[in-house]
Amino acid sequence: MKLKITILIIILCIISGTVLLLNYYKKSISIEINRITSPDNKVDVVLVKENGGATTSDIYKIYITPINIDFKSGHELFIVDHVKNLDIKWIQNKMLQISYDEARIFKFTNFWNSKKVDYFDYVVELKLKHNLDGFALSERDR
């Protein structure tokens, strides 16, 4: 009887461990939620939302790509979570503004270029704008 219980416990541990590992290593889901073409029709800025699962908050990423190209072919220029009132807009050709009220910013790069657009000669400047006076982090993040 003790042997059967021990075997049952071992089997349950193996199953539980497998489920935990599968949940840990599963890929997050990326959803393109906005795409805005530059005024000169050369590139797109793409806002992507990633849902990492029940235990993490949504992450937002910004990519710039040649026009009508999948964002997955590039790398993210801006990564943020706990964001409030995120807005992206083209100020002019080659200048993109990212504004927000509150956010935890994990990555920000202030320029983009690519071999695929004018062989690196087309450079986009990214400007980061905090909309409010005072703290940029939410109260829960301070």
N, C-alpha and C. Protein backbone atom coordinates (compact mmCIF):
# COMPACT_ATOMS: atom_id res chain seq x y z
N MET A 1 0.82 -1.19 0.00
CA MET A 1 0.00 0.00 0.00
C MET A 1 0.86 1.26 0.00
N LYS A 2 1.94 1.26 0.84
CA LYS A 2 2.84 2.41 0.89
C LYS A 2 3.52 2.62 -0.46
N LEU A 3 3.86 1.54 -1.14
CA LEU A 3 4.51 1.63 -2.43
C LEU A 3 3.58 2.29 -3.46
N LYS A 4 2.28 1.93 -3.44
CA LYS A 4 1.32 2.51 -4.37
C LYS A 4 1.16 4.02 -4.11
N ILE A 5 1.12 4.41 -2.85
CA ILE A 5 0.99 5.83 -2.51
C ILE A 5 2.24 6.59 -2.94
N THR A 6 3.40 6.00 -2.72
CA THR A 6 4.65 6.64 -3.13
C THR A 6 4.71 6.81 -4.64
N ILE A 7 4.31 5.79 -5.38
CA ILE A 7 4.29 5.87 -6.85
C ILE A 7 3.30 6.93 -7.31
N LEU A 8 2.14 6.99 -6.68
CA LEU A 8 1.13 7.99 -7.02
C LEU A 8 1.66 9.40 -6.77
N ILE A 9 2.32 9.61 -5.66
CA ILE A 9 2.90 10.92 -5.33
C ILE A 9 3.96 11.30 -6.36
N ILE A 10 4.81 10.35 -6.74
CA ILE A 10 5.84 10.61 -7.74
C ILE A 10 5.21 11.00 -9.09
N ILE A 11 4.18 10.28 -9.49
CA ILE A 11 3.51 10.58 -10.76
C ILE A 11 2.88 11.98 -10.72
N LEU A 12 2.22 12.32 -9.59
CA LEU A 12 1.63 13.64 -9.45
C LEU A 12 2.68 14.75 -9.48
N CYS A 13 3.82 14.50 -8.87
CA CYS A 13 4.91 15.48 -8.88
C CYS A 13 5.44 15.69 -10.30
N ILE A 14 5.58 14.62 -11.04
CA ILE A 14 6.06 14.72 -12.43
C ILE A 14 5.07 15.51 -13.28
N ILE A 15 3.79 15.19 -13.15
CA ILE A 15 2.77 15.90 -13.92
C ILE A 15 2.74 17.38 -13.54
N SER A 16 2.77 17.68 -12.24
CA SER A 16 2.74 19.08 -11.78
C SER A 16 3.96 19.84 -12.28
N GLY A 17 5.12 19.22 -12.20
CA GLY A 17 6.36 19.86 -12.67
C GLY A 17 6.32 20.13 -14.16
N THR A 18 5.79 19.20 -14.92
CA THR A 18 5.68 19.38 -16.36
C THR A 18 4.76 20.54 -16.70
N VAL A 19 3.62 20.62 -16.03
CA VAL A 19 2.67 21.71 -16.26
C VAL A 19 3.32 23.05 -15.91
N LEU A 20 4.02 23.13 -14.80
CA LEU A 20 4.68 24.37 -14.41
C LEU A 20 5.74 24.79 -15.42
N LEU A 21 6.54 23.84 -15.89
CA LEU A 21 7.56 24.15 -16.88
C LEU A 21 6.95 24.62 -18.19
N LEU A 22 5.89 23.99 -18.63
CA LEU A 22 5.24 24.40 -19.87
C LEU A 22 4.69 25.82 -19.75
N ASN A 23 4.09 26.15 -18.62
CA ASN A 23 3.59 27.51 -18.41
C ASN A 23 4.71 28.53 -18.33
N TYR A 24 5.83 28.14 -17.74
CA TYR A 24 6.96 29.05 -17.60
C TYR A 24 7.58 29.38 -18.95
N TYR A 25 7.71 28.39 -19.80
CA TYR A 25 8.40 28.58 -21.07
C TYR A 25 7.49 28.93 -22.24
N LYS A 26 6.20 29.03 -22.02
CA LYS A 26 5.33 29.36 -23.14
C LYS A 26 5.59 30.79 -23.59
N LYS A 27 5.46 31.00 -24.86
CA LYS A 27 5.69 32.32 -25.44
C LYS A 27 4.55 33.26 -25.08
N SER A 28 4.90 34.53 -24.88
CA SER A 28 3.86 35.51 -24.66
C SER A 28 3.17 35.79 -26.00
N ILE A 29 1.97 36.30 -25.92
CA ILE A 29 1.19 36.58 -27.11
C ILE A 29 1.39 38.04 -27.49
N SER A 30 1.86 38.28 -28.72
CA SER A 30 2.07 39.64 -29.22
C SER A 30 0.94 40.01 -30.16
N ILE A 31 0.33 41.18 -29.90
CA ILE A 31 -0.77 41.66 -30.73
C ILE A 31 -0.43 43.07 -31.21
N GLU A 32 -0.47 43.26 -32.51
CA GLU A 32 -0.28 44.58 -33.07
C GLU A 32 -1.55 45.38 -32.81
N ILE A 33 -1.44 46.48 -32.06
CA ILE A 33 -2.65 47.24 -31.73
C ILE A 33 -2.73 48.58 -32.46
N ASN A 34 -1.63 49.04 -33.03
CA ASN A 34 -1.68 50.28 -33.80
C ASN A 34 -0.49 50.33 -34.75
N ARG A 35 -0.73 50.86 -35.94
CA ARG A 35 0.32 51.05 -36.94
C ARG A 35 0.05 52.40 -37.60
N ILE A 36 1.08 53.26 -37.59
CA ILE A 36 0.93 54.59 -38.17
C ILE A 36 2.06 54.80 -39.17
N THR A 37 1.70 55.13 -40.39
CA THR A 37 2.69 55.37 -41.44
C THR A 37 3.25 56.78 -41.31
N SER A 38 4.54 56.90 -41.57
CA SER A 38 5.20 58.21 -41.50
C SER A 38 4.63 59.14 -42.57
N PRO A 39 4.73 60.46 -42.36
CA PRO A 39 4.18 61.41 -43.33
C PRO A 39 4.74 61.24 -44.74
N ASP A 40 5.99 60.78 -44.86
CA ASP A 40 6.58 60.60 -46.19
C ASP A 40 6.35 59.19 -46.77
N ASN A 41 5.56 58.38 -46.06
CA ASN A 41 5.20 57.02 -46.52
C ASN A 41 6.39 56.08 -46.71
N LYS A 42 7.41 56.23 -45.86
CA LYS A 42 8.58 55.35 -45.96
C LYS A 42 8.59 54.26 -44.90
N VAL A 43 8.12 54.57 -43.68
CA VAL A 43 8.18 53.62 -42.58
C VAL A 43 6.88 53.64 -41.79
N ASP A 44 6.69 52.60 -41.00
CA ASP A 44 5.56 52.51 -40.07
C ASP A 44 6.10 52.44 -38.65
N VAL A 45 5.40 53.09 -37.73
CA VAL A 45 5.63 52.84 -36.31
C VAL A 45 4.54 51.87 -35.89
N VAL A 46 4.94 50.85 -35.13
CA VAL A 46 4.01 49.79 -34.75
C VAL A 46 4.00 49.68 -33.23
N LEU A 47 2.80 49.76 -32.65
CA LEU A 47 2.62 49.55 -31.21
C LEU A 47 2.10 48.15 -31.00
N VAL A 48 2.80 47.39 -30.16
CA VAL A 48 2.49 45.99 -29.92
C VAL A 48 2.22 45.79 -28.43
N LYS A 49 1.21 44.99 -28.14
CA LYS A 49 0.87 44.64 -26.76
C LYS A 49 1.22 43.17 -26.57
N GLU A 50 1.95 42.89 -25.50
CA GLU A 50 2.28 41.51 -25.15
C GLU A 50 1.63 41.16 -23.83
N ASN A 51 0.94 40.04 -23.83
CA ASN A 51 0.32 39.52 -22.61
C ASN A 51 1.17 38.35 -22.15
N GLY A 52 1.88 38.54 -21.05
CA GLY A 52 2.76 37.51 -20.55
C GLY A 52 2.07 36.47 -19.69
N GLY A 53 0.79 36.62 -19.44
CA GLY A 53 0.07 35.65 -18.63
C GLY A 53 -0.55 36.30 -17.40
N ALA A 54 -1.15 35.45 -16.59
CA ALA A 54 -1.93 35.94 -15.45
C ALA A 54 -1.06 36.59 -14.37
N THR A 55 0.20 36.24 -14.29
CA THR A 55 1.03 36.76 -13.20
C THR A 55 1.84 37.99 -13.59
N THR A 56 1.71 38.47 -14.82
CA THR A 56 2.46 39.64 -15.24
C THR A 56 1.52 40.66 -15.88
N SER A 57 1.95 41.91 -15.85
CA SER A 57 1.14 42.96 -16.49
C SER A 57 1.45 42.99 -17.98
N ASP A 58 0.56 43.63 -18.73
CA ASP A 58 0.77 43.77 -20.17
C ASP A 58 2.00 44.63 -20.42
N ILE A 59 2.73 44.26 -21.45
CA ILE A 59 3.92 45.01 -21.86
C ILE A 59 3.62 45.60 -23.23
N TYR A 60 4.02 46.84 -23.42
CA TYR A 60 3.85 47.51 -24.70
C TYR A 60 5.23 47.74 -25.32
N LYS A 61 5.32 47.50 -26.63
CA LYS A 61 6.57 47.68 -27.35
C LYS A 61 6.31 48.50 -28.60
N ILE A 62 7.31 49.30 -28.95
CA ILE A 62 7.22 50.09 -30.17
C ILE A 62 8.34 49.67 -31.11
N TYR A 63 7.95 49.45 -32.35
CA TYR A 63 8.88 49.08 -33.42
C TYR A 63 8.73 50.10 -34.55
N ILE A 64 9.78 50.29 -35.32
CA ILE A 64 9.68 50.99 -36.59
C ILE A 64 10.12 49.99 -37.65
N THR A 65 9.35 49.94 -38.73
CA THR A 65 9.65 49.00 -39.82
C THR A 65 9.50 49.72 -41.16
N PRO A 66 10.13 49.20 -42.19
CA PRO A 66 9.80 49.69 -43.53
C PRO A 66 8.29 49.52 -43.73
N ILE A 67 7.69 50.34 -44.53
CA ILE A 67 6.24 50.36 -44.69
C ILE A 67 5.70 48.98 -45.05
N ASN A 68 4.62 48.60 -44.36
CA ASN A 68 3.89 47.34 -44.56
C ASN A 68 4.71 46.07 -44.30
N ILE A 69 5.72 46.15 -43.46
CA ILE A 69 6.53 44.98 -43.09
C ILE A 69 6.15 44.55 -41.68
N ASP A 70 6.15 43.25 -41.45
CA ASP A 70 5.81 42.70 -40.13
C ASP A 70 6.80 43.21 -39.08
N PHE A 71 6.28 43.65 -37.94
CA PHE A 71 7.14 44.18 -36.87
C PHE A 71 8.11 43.14 -36.35
N LYS A 72 7.79 41.87 -36.49
CA LYS A 72 8.65 40.81 -35.95
C LYS A 72 10.00 40.73 -36.66
N SER A 73 10.12 41.42 -37.77
CA SER A 73 11.40 41.42 -38.49
C SER A 73 12.39 42.42 -37.89
N GLY A 74 11.94 43.25 -36.96
CA GLY A 74 12.81 44.24 -36.35
C GLY A 74 13.00 44.00 -34.87
N HIS A 75 13.57 44.98 -34.20
CA HIS A 75 13.73 44.89 -32.74
C HIS A 75 13.03 46.10 -32.11
N GLU A 76 12.62 45.91 -30.87
CA GLU A 76 11.85 46.94 -30.19
C GLU A 76 12.74 48.12 -29.81
N LEU A 77 12.18 49.32 -29.93
CA LEU A 77 12.88 50.55 -29.59
C LEU A 77 12.42 51.10 -28.24
N PHE A 78 11.26 50.65 -27.81
CA PHE A 78 10.65 51.16 -26.58
C PHE A 78 9.89 50.00 -25.94
N ILE A 79 10.15 49.75 -24.66
CA ILE A 79 9.45 48.70 -23.92
C ILE A 79 8.98 49.31 -22.60
N VAL A 80 7.69 49.09 -22.29
CA VAL A 80 7.10 49.74 -21.13
C VAL A 80 5.98 48.87 -20.55
N ASP A 81 5.75 49.00 -19.24
CA ASP A 81 4.55 48.43 -18.63
C ASP A 81 4.01 49.44 -17.62
N HIS A 82 2.91 49.11 -16.98
CA HIS A 82 2.24 50.01 -16.03
C HIS A 82 2.07 51.40 -16.64
N VAL A 83 1.67 51.45 -17.89
CA VAL A 83 1.61 52.71 -18.63
C VAL A 83 0.21 53.30 -18.60
N LYS A 84 0.17 54.62 -18.55
CA LYS A 84 -1.10 55.34 -18.56
C LYS A 84 -1.01 56.43 -19.63
N ASN A 85 -2.01 56.45 -20.51
CA ASN A 85 -2.11 57.44 -21.59
C ASN A 85 -0.91 57.45 -22.53
N LEU A 86 -0.54 56.29 -23.02
CA LEU A 86 0.53 56.17 -24.00
C LEU A 86 0.02 56.67 -25.34
N ASP A 87 0.80 57.51 -25.99
CA ASP A 87 0.42 58.06 -27.29
C ASP A 87 1.66 58.13 -28.17
N ILE A 88 1.51 57.73 -29.42
CA ILE A 88 2.60 57.85 -30.38
C ILE A 88 2.09 58.64 -31.58
N LYS A 89 2.93 59.55 -32.07
CA LYS A 89 2.53 60.31 -33.24
C LYS A 89 3.77 60.83 -33.97
N TRP A 90 3.60 60.93 -35.28
CA TRP A 90 4.64 61.51 -36.10
C TRP A 90 4.55 63.03 -35.98
N ILE A 91 5.62 63.68 -35.58
CA ILE A 91 5.68 65.13 -35.49
C ILE A 91 5.97 65.70 -36.87
N GLN A 92 6.82 65.02 -37.61
CA GLN A 92 7.17 65.38 -38.99
C GLN A 92 7.90 64.17 -39.58
N ASN A 93 8.33 64.29 -40.83
CA ASN A 93 9.13 63.22 -41.41
C ASN A 93 10.33 62.97 -40.51
N LYS A 94 10.59 61.71 -40.25
CA LYS A 94 11.77 61.27 -39.49
C LYS A 94 11.77 61.69 -38.01
N MET A 95 10.62 62.13 -37.48
CA MET A 95 10.56 62.47 -36.05
C MET A 95 9.28 61.93 -35.44
N LEU A 96 9.46 61.02 -34.46
CA LEU A 96 8.35 60.36 -33.79
C LEU A 96 8.34 60.76 -32.33
N GLN A 97 7.17 61.09 -31.81
CA GLN A 97 7.03 61.43 -30.40
C GLN A 97 6.25 60.35 -29.67
N ILE A 98 6.80 59.91 -28.53
CA ILE A 98 6.14 58.96 -27.64
C ILE A 98 5.83 59.72 -26.35
N SER A 99 4.55 59.82 -26.01
CA SER A 99 4.20 60.54 -24.78
C SER A 99 3.40 59.64 -23.85
N TYR A 100 3.45 59.96 -22.56
CA TYR A 100 2.78 59.14 -21.55
C TYR A 100 2.60 59.96 -20.27
N ASP A 101 1.66 59.52 -19.44
CA ASP A 101 1.47 60.14 -18.12
C ASP A 101 2.29 59.41 -17.05
N GLU A 102 2.15 58.08 -17.02
CA GLU A 102 2.90 57.24 -16.07
C GLU A 102 3.39 56.00 -16.80
N ALA A 103 4.54 55.49 -16.40
CA ALA A 103 5.06 54.28 -17.03
C ALA A 103 6.31 53.79 -16.31
N ARG A 104 6.53 52.48 -16.42
CA ARG A 104 7.82 51.88 -16.09
C ARG A 104 8.48 51.59 -17.43
N ILE A 105 9.55 52.29 -17.72
CA ILE A 105 10.21 52.16 -19.02
C ILE A 105 11.43 51.25 -18.85
N PHE A 106 11.43 50.17 -19.61
CA PHE A 106 12.53 49.21 -19.55
C PHE A 106 13.57 49.47 -20.63
N LYS A 107 13.12 50.04 -21.75
CA LYS A 107 14.05 50.31 -22.85
C LYS A 107 13.54 51.50 -23.64
N PHE A 108 14.47 52.37 -24.03
CA PHE A 108 14.16 53.47 -24.93
C PHE A 108 15.39 53.75 -25.77
N THR A 109 15.21 53.77 -27.06
CA THR A 109 16.26 54.12 -28.00
C THR A 109 15.79 55.34 -28.77
N ASN A 110 16.64 56.36 -28.90
CA ASN A 110 16.17 57.61 -29.48
C ASN A 110 16.40 57.73 -30.99
N PHE A 111 16.79 56.65 -31.66
CA PHE A 111 16.89 56.70 -33.11
C PHE A 111 16.66 55.32 -33.71
N TRP A 112 16.33 55.33 -34.98
CA TRP A 112 16.16 54.09 -35.74
C TRP A 112 16.65 54.33 -37.16
N ASN A 113 17.33 53.34 -37.71
CA ASN A 113 17.64 53.30 -39.13
C ASN A 113 17.75 51.84 -39.55
N SER A 114 17.77 51.63 -40.84
CA SER A 114 17.78 50.26 -41.33
C SER A 114 18.45 50.20 -42.70
N LYS A 115 19.08 49.09 -42.95
CA LYS A 115 19.66 48.84 -44.27
C LYS A 115 18.56 48.83 -45.33
N LYS A 116 17.35 48.43 -44.93
CA LYS A 116 16.24 48.27 -45.88
C LYS A 116 15.61 49.60 -46.31
N VAL A 117 15.93 50.69 -45.63
CA VAL A 117 15.38 52.00 -45.99
C VAL A 117 16.56 52.94 -46.26
N ASP A 118 16.80 53.21 -47.52
CA ASP A 118 17.88 54.11 -47.96
C ASP A 118 19.24 53.72 -47.39
N TYR A 119 19.45 52.44 -47.23
CA TYR A 119 20.74 51.89 -46.76
C TYR A 119 21.31 52.67 -45.58
N PHE A 120 20.55 52.74 -44.51
CA PHE A 120 20.91 53.38 -43.23
C PHE A 120 20.89 54.91 -43.26
N ASP A 121 20.65 55.54 -44.41
CA ASP A 121 20.65 57.00 -44.48
C ASP A 121 19.34 57.62 -44.01
N TYR A 122 18.29 56.85 -43.93
CA TYR A 122 17.01 57.34 -43.42
C TYR A 122 17.00 57.08 -41.91
N VAL A 123 17.11 58.15 -41.13
CA VAL A 123 17.19 58.03 -39.68
C VAL A 123 15.96 58.68 -39.05
N VAL A 124 15.28 57.92 -38.19
CA VAL A 124 14.14 58.43 -37.45
C VAL A 124 14.59 58.76 -36.03
N GLU A 125 14.27 59.96 -35.57
CA GLU A 125 14.53 60.34 -34.19
C GLU A 125 13.28 60.08 -33.37
N LEU A 126 13.44 59.45 -32.20
CA LEU A 126 12.33 59.21 -31.28
C LEU A 126 12.48 60.16 -30.10
N LYS A 127 11.41 60.89 -29.81
CA LYS A 127 11.41 61.82 -28.68
C LYS A 127 10.47 61.27 -27.62
N LEU A 128 10.91 61.28 -26.39
CA LEU A 128 10.12 60.79 -25.26
C LEU A 128 9.60 61.98 -24.47
N LYS A 129 8.28 62.01 -24.23
CA LYS A 129 7.67 63.15 -23.55
C LYS A 129 6.81 62.66 -22.39
N HIS A 130 7.16 63.10 -21.19
CA HIS A 130 6.33 62.85 -20.01
C HIS A 130 5.33 64.00 -19.91
N ASN A 131 4.04 63.68 -19.91
CA ASN A 131 2.99 64.70 -20.01
C ASN A 131 2.75 65.50 -18.73
N LEU A 132 3.11 64.98 -17.58
CA LEU A 132 2.74 65.60 -16.31
C LEU A 132 3.94 66.14 -15.57
N ASP A 133 3.70 67.10 -14.67
CA ASP A 133 4.74 67.52 -13.74
C ASP A 133 4.82 66.47 -12.64
N GLY A 134 5.97 66.29 -12.07
CA GLY A 134 6.10 65.34 -10.96
C GLY A 134 6.52 63.96 -11.42
N PHE A 135 6.06 62.97 -10.67
CA PHE A 135 6.49 61.59 -10.89
C PHE A 135 6.04 61.03 -12.23
N ALA A 136 6.92 60.25 -12.84
CA ALA A 136 6.57 59.52 -14.06
C ALA A 136 6.19 58.08 -13.73
N LEU A 137 6.62 57.60 -12.57
CA LEU A 137 6.23 56.27 -12.12
C LEU A 137 4.90 56.34 -11.37
N SER A 138 4.11 55.30 -11.52
CA SER A 138 2.85 55.26 -10.77
C SER A 138 3.15 55.12 -9.28
N GLU A 139 2.16 55.40 -8.48
CA GLU A 139 2.34 55.32 -7.03
C GLU A 139 2.73 53.91 -6.60
N ARG A 140 2.17 52.88 -7.24
CA ARG A 140 2.50 51.50 -6.86
C ARG A 140 3.92 51.10 -7.22
N ASP A 141 4.54 51.84 -8.16
CA ASP A 141 5.90 51.52 -8.59
C ASP A 141 6.97 52.33 -7.85
N ARG A 142 6.54 53.28 -7.03
CA ARG A 142 7.51 54.08 -6.28
C ARG A 142 7.79 53.47 -4.94
